[in-house]
Amino acid sequence: MSDPLPPYEMGDLGSEVKRHAPAAARNVGPIGEVLTDWLPRSGTVLEIASGTGEHALAFARIFPDLDWQPSDRDPEALASIAAWREEHGTPNLLPPVEIDAASTDWPIMQADAILSVNMAHISPWPATLGLLKGAKRLLPEDGALIFYGPWIASDVETAPSNMSFDESLKVRNPAWGLRTVEKVEEAASAQSLQLIERRSMPANNMMLLFRRRNHNQG
């Protein structure tokens, strides 16, 4: 892994279409450290719901031997990703593609790993189910599906701030809300995806690592 922070100032909005998420500058380092252990050495990483594009830009710089494929369903997000890429991008950062995780019609046929940052709780549950189905279609055997975000786990006391966040999300949209690790693990198992590891992250977040298994693997 190269330097955890890219050689540009995140949030330097030189373009009107470029969007900025303050959390991206805070969590790119911790997420990058975990990705160093979980991502393949080479190949293509598909990022689902890339948002502003700041994570995609940072991780493409951190992992120069990986092709980084950003995506989103929101036209404004796609424009922001493209703007960050045009102004600061590296050769391994690919043009963004439109993907609705809940749909089965994806313009990508294969990926060596899939990353989803802060999507599961701010999208309806069918989007997570669609992502799991997409991972089954795209990933090779042992390919990684990685989630980052606030999760609820039965063996971990949920922080009061996360409970308040969950309530605020459901006020905004009843279909949103923090998901349980156990629920996503069960749904993933139906798509030949096995939960391998989880790690506690700053600000009461978690990262979850699933790997694509064939029918003969435990």
Protein backbone atom coordinates (compact mmCIF):
# COMPACT_ATOMS: atom_id res chain seq x y z
CA MET A 1 0.00 0.00 0.00
CA SER A 2 1.21 3.50 -0.77
CA ASP A 3 0.64 6.56 1.44
CA PRO A 4 -2.73 6.32 3.24
CA LEU A 5 -3.69 9.86 2.24
CA PRO A 6 -3.49 10.98 -1.38
CA PRO A 7 -1.32 13.95 -2.39
CA TYR A 8 -4.19 16.38 -2.78
CA GLU A 9 -6.48 18.15 -0.36
CA MET A 10 -9.80 16.35 -0.11
CA GLY A 11 -12.57 18.87 -0.34
CA ASP A 12 -10.70 21.23 -2.67
CA LEU A 13 -13.77 22.01 -4.72
CA GLY A 14 -12.36 23.37 -7.93
CA SER A 15 -15.45 22.39 -9.88
CA GLU A 16 -19.11 23.14 -9.24
CA VAL A 17 -20.07 19.53 -9.88
CA LYS A 18 -17.53 18.10 -7.44
CA ARG A 19 -19.14 17.10 -4.18
CA HIS A 20 -17.44 16.74 -0.81
CA ALA A 21 -18.20 14.41 2.10
CA PRO A 22 -16.28 15.46 5.24
CA ALA A 23 -16.34 11.86 6.54
CA ALA A 24 -14.32 10.71 3.53
CA ALA A 25 -11.23 12.58 4.66
CA ARG A 26 -11.61 11.13 8.16
CA ASN A 27 -12.17 7.49 7.32
CA VAL A 28 -10.12 6.90 4.18
CA GLY A 29 -7.01 6.08 6.23
CA PRO A 30 -8.63 3.53 8.59
CA ILE A 31 -10.56 1.90 5.74
CA GLY A 32 -7.43 1.78 3.60
CA GLU A 33 -5.52 -0.03 6.33
CA VAL A 34 -8.12 -2.81 6.44
CA LEU A 35 -8.36 -2.99 2.65
CA THR A 36 -4.62 -3.64 2.58
CA ASP A 37 -5.32 -6.96 4.29
CA TRP A 38 -8.49 -7.86 2.43
CA LEU A 39 -8.08 -6.78 -1.20
CA PRO A 40 -6.26 -8.84 -3.85
CA ARG A 41 -2.84 -7.75 -5.01
CA SER A 42 -4.07 -7.05 -8.53
CA GLY A 43 -7.28 -7.05 -10.54
CA THR A 44 -10.40 -4.88 -10.57
CA VAL A 45 -12.26 -3.54 -7.55
CA LEU A 46 -15.86 -2.51 -8.16
CA GLU A 47 -17.02 0.16 -5.73
CA ILE A 48 -20.80 0.26 -5.34
CA ALA A 49 -22.39 3.62 -4.44
CA SER A 50 -19.21 5.67 -4.75
CA GLY A 51 -21.01 8.88 -3.77
CA THR A 52 -18.82 11.95 -4.14
CA GLY A 53 -15.98 9.94 -5.69
CA GLU A 54 -13.45 10.95 -3.04
CA HIS A 55 -13.03 7.41 -1.74
CA ALA A 56 -12.55 6.06 -5.24
CA LEU A 57 -9.89 8.65 -5.96
CA ALA A 58 -8.10 8.02 -2.66
CA PHE A 59 -8.16 4.23 -2.92
CA ALA A 60 -7.02 4.26 -6.54
CA ARG A 61 -3.98 6.21 -5.35
CA ILE A 62 -3.42 3.97 -2.33
CA PHE A 63 -3.63 0.78 -4.43
CA PRO A 64 -1.91 1.58 -7.74
CA ASP A 65 -1.82 -2.09 -8.81
CA LEU A 66 -5.60 -2.37 -8.70
CA ASP A 67 -8.00 -1.01 -11.29
CA TRP A 68 -10.66 0.92 -9.38
CA GLN A 69 -14.16 0.97 -10.89
CA PRO A 70 -16.44 3.54 -9.23
CA SER A 71 -20.20 3.44 -9.70
CA ASP A 72 -23.41 5.06 -8.50
CA ARG A 73 -27.07 5.32 -9.47
CA ASP A 74 -27.34 9.09 -8.90
CA PRO A 75 -26.49 11.29 -11.91
CA GLU A 76 -25.09 14.05 -9.67
CA ALA A 77 -22.85 11.55 -7.91
CA LEU A 78 -21.64 10.20 -11.26
CA ALA A 79 -20.82 13.75 -12.36
CA SER A 80 -18.91 14.38 -9.13
CA ILE A 81 -16.92 11.15 -9.49
CA ALA A 82 -16.05 12.06 -13.07
CA ALA A 83 -14.96 15.57 -12.01
CA TRP A 84 -12.66 14.29 -9.25
CA ARG A 85 -11.22 11.76 -11.70
CA GLU A 86 -10.64 14.36 -14.41
CA GLU A 87 -8.85 16.79 -12.09
CA HIS A 88 -6.90 14.42 -9.84
CA GLY A 89 -7.28 10.91 -11.23
CA THR A 90 -4.67 8.25 -11.81
CA PRO A 91 -4.54 5.79 -14.73
CA ASN A 92 -6.02 2.98 -12.63
CA LEU A 93 -9.13 5.01 -11.71
CA LEU A 94 -11.72 4.04 -14.33
CA PRO A 95 -14.62 6.19 -15.56
CA PRO A 96 -17.70 5.82 -13.34
CA VAL A 97 -20.56 3.60 -14.45
CA GLU A 98 -24.23 3.75 -13.52
CA ILE A 99 -25.28 0.86 -11.30
CA ASP A 100 -28.50 0.47 -9.34
CA ALA A 101 -27.56 -2.18 -6.79
CA ALA A 102 -31.16 -3.39 -6.55
CA SER A 103 -31.24 -4.14 -10.28
CA THR A 104 -29.91 -7.26 -11.98
CA ASP A 105 -28.85 -5.23 -15.02
CA TRP A 106 -25.27 -4.17 -14.28
CA PRO A 107 -22.85 -2.97 -16.98
CA ILE A 108 -20.03 -4.89 -15.27
CA MET A 109 -19.62 -8.62 -15.86
CA GLN A 110 -16.67 -9.42 -13.59
CA ALA A 111 -14.78 -8.02 -10.62
CA ASP A 112 -12.06 -9.42 -8.38
CA ALA A 113 -13.44 -7.61 -5.31
CA ILE A 114 -16.45 -5.44 -4.49
CA LEU A 115 -16.53 -2.62 -1.94
CA SER A 116 -19.58 -0.85 -0.52
CA VAL A 117 -19.05 2.07 1.86
CA ASN A 118 -22.00 3.51 3.79
CA MET A 119 -24.68 2.22 1.45
CA ALA A 120 -26.64 -0.46 3.31
CA HIS A 121 -28.20 1.86 5.88
CA ILE A 122 -29.16 4.66 3.49
CA SER A 123 -30.87 2.51 0.90
CA PRO A 124 -33.82 0.12 1.01
CA TRP A 125 -33.05 -3.48 1.99
CA PRO A 126 -33.59 -4.70 -1.63
CA ALA A 127 -30.47 -2.71 -2.59
CA THR A 128 -28.36 -4.80 -0.20
CA LEU A 129 -30.00 -7.98 -1.46
CA GLY A 130 -29.25 -6.89 -5.02
CA LEU A 131 -25.65 -6.22 -4.10
CA LEU A 132 -25.29 -9.71 -2.65
CA LYS A 133 -26.77 -11.23 -5.80
CA GLY A 134 -24.45 -9.09 -7.91
CA ALA A 135 -21.46 -10.28 -5.90
CA LYS A 136 -22.43 -13.88 -6.59
CA ARG A 137 -22.57 -13.13 -10.32
CA LEU A 138 -19.37 -11.13 -10.59
CA LEU A 139 -16.89 -12.46 -8.06
CA PRO A 140 -14.55 -15.39 -8.63
CA GLU A 141 -14.10 -18.10 -6.03
CA ASP A 142 -12.70 -16.49 -2.85
CA GLY A 143 -13.42 -13.03 -4.26
CA ALA A 144 -14.04 -10.43 -1.56
CA LEU A 145 -17.22 -8.47 -0.88
CA ILE A 146 -16.47 -5.76 1.68
CA PHE A 147 -18.89 -3.55 3.59
CA TYR A 148 -18.11 -0.49 5.70
CA GLY A 149 -20.57 1.40 7.84
CA PRO A 150 -22.55 1.39 11.08
CA TRP A 151 -23.88 -2.09 11.83
CA ILE A 152 -25.81 -3.70 14.65
CA ALA A 153 -24.43 -6.98 16.00
CA SER A 154 -26.05 -9.20 18.62
CA ASP A 155 -22.79 -9.62 20.56
CA VAL A 156 -21.83 -5.93 20.56
CA GLU A 157 -23.61 -3.23 22.52
CA THR A 158 -24.98 -0.68 20.07
CA ALA A 159 -23.69 2.81 20.78
CA PRO A 160 -26.40 5.34 21.72
CA SER A 161 -25.22 7.55 18.86
CA ASN A 162 -25.87 4.71 16.41
CA MET A 163 -29.34 4.15 17.81
CA SER A 164 -30.11 7.85 17.42
CA PHE A 165 -28.71 7.75 13.89
CA ASP A 166 -30.93 4.76 13.09
CA GLU A 167 -34.00 6.64 14.32
CA SER A 168 -33.12 9.72 12.28
CA LEU A 169 -32.67 7.63 9.15
CA LYS A 170 -36.08 6.01 9.55
CA VAL A 171 -37.68 9.42 9.98
CA ARG A 172 -36.16 10.48 6.65
CA ASN A 173 -37.15 7.24 4.93
CA PRO A 174 -38.86 4.27 6.64
CA ALA A 175 -37.01 1.90 4.26
CA TRP A 176 -33.63 3.09 5.59
CA GLY A 177 -31.93 2.13 8.84
CA LEU A 178 -28.98 0.31 10.33
CA ARG A 179 -28.81 -3.36 9.36
CA THR A 180 -27.83 -6.27 11.57
CA VAL A 181 -24.73 -8.29 10.82
CA GLU A 182 -26.73 -11.47 11.34
CA LYS A 183 -29.41 -10.49 8.81
CA VAL A 184 -26.94 -9.65 6.08
CA GLU A 185 -24.92 -12.78 6.90
CA GLU A 186 -28.01 -14.94 6.41
CA ALA A 187 -28.88 -13.22 3.13
CA ALA A 188 -25.26 -13.51 1.95
CA SER A 189 -25.16 -17.22 2.70
CA ALA A 190 -28.04 -17.73 0.26
CA GLN A 191 -25.78 -16.18 -2.42
CA SER A 192 -22.75 -18.40 -1.68
CA LEU A 193 -21.05 -15.64 0.31
CA GLN A 194 -19.47 -16.50 3.65
CA LEU A 195 -18.73 -13.97 6.39
CA ILE A 196 -15.01 -14.40 7.07
CA GLU A 197 -14.10 -11.50 9.30
CA ARG A 198 -15.38 -8.30 10.83
CA ARG A 199 -13.41 -5.45 12.31
CA SER A 200 -14.39 -2.63 14.62
CA MET A 201 -13.67 0.78 13.16
CA PRO A 202 -13.58 4.34 14.52
CA ALA A 203 -16.83 6.21 15.22
CA ASN A 204 -18.77 2.98 15.99
CA ASN A 205 -18.46 1.58 12.47
CA MET A 206 -17.57 -1.92 11.31
CA MET A 207 -16.05 -3.53 8.25
CA LEU A 208 -17.36 -6.90 7.10
CA LEU A 209 -15.50 -9.29 4.81
CA PHE A 210 -17.42 -11.88 2.82
CA ARG A 211 -15.86 -14.29 0.35
CA ARG A 212 -17.45 -16.07 -2.58
CA ARG A 213 -17.59 -19.79 -1.98
CA ASN A 214 -18.47 -22.66 -4.25
CA HIS A 215 -20.88 -25.35 -3.14
CA ASN A 216 -18.08 -27.65 -1.97
CA GLN A 217 -16.54 -25.14 0.42
CA GLY A 218 -17.46 -24.71 4.05
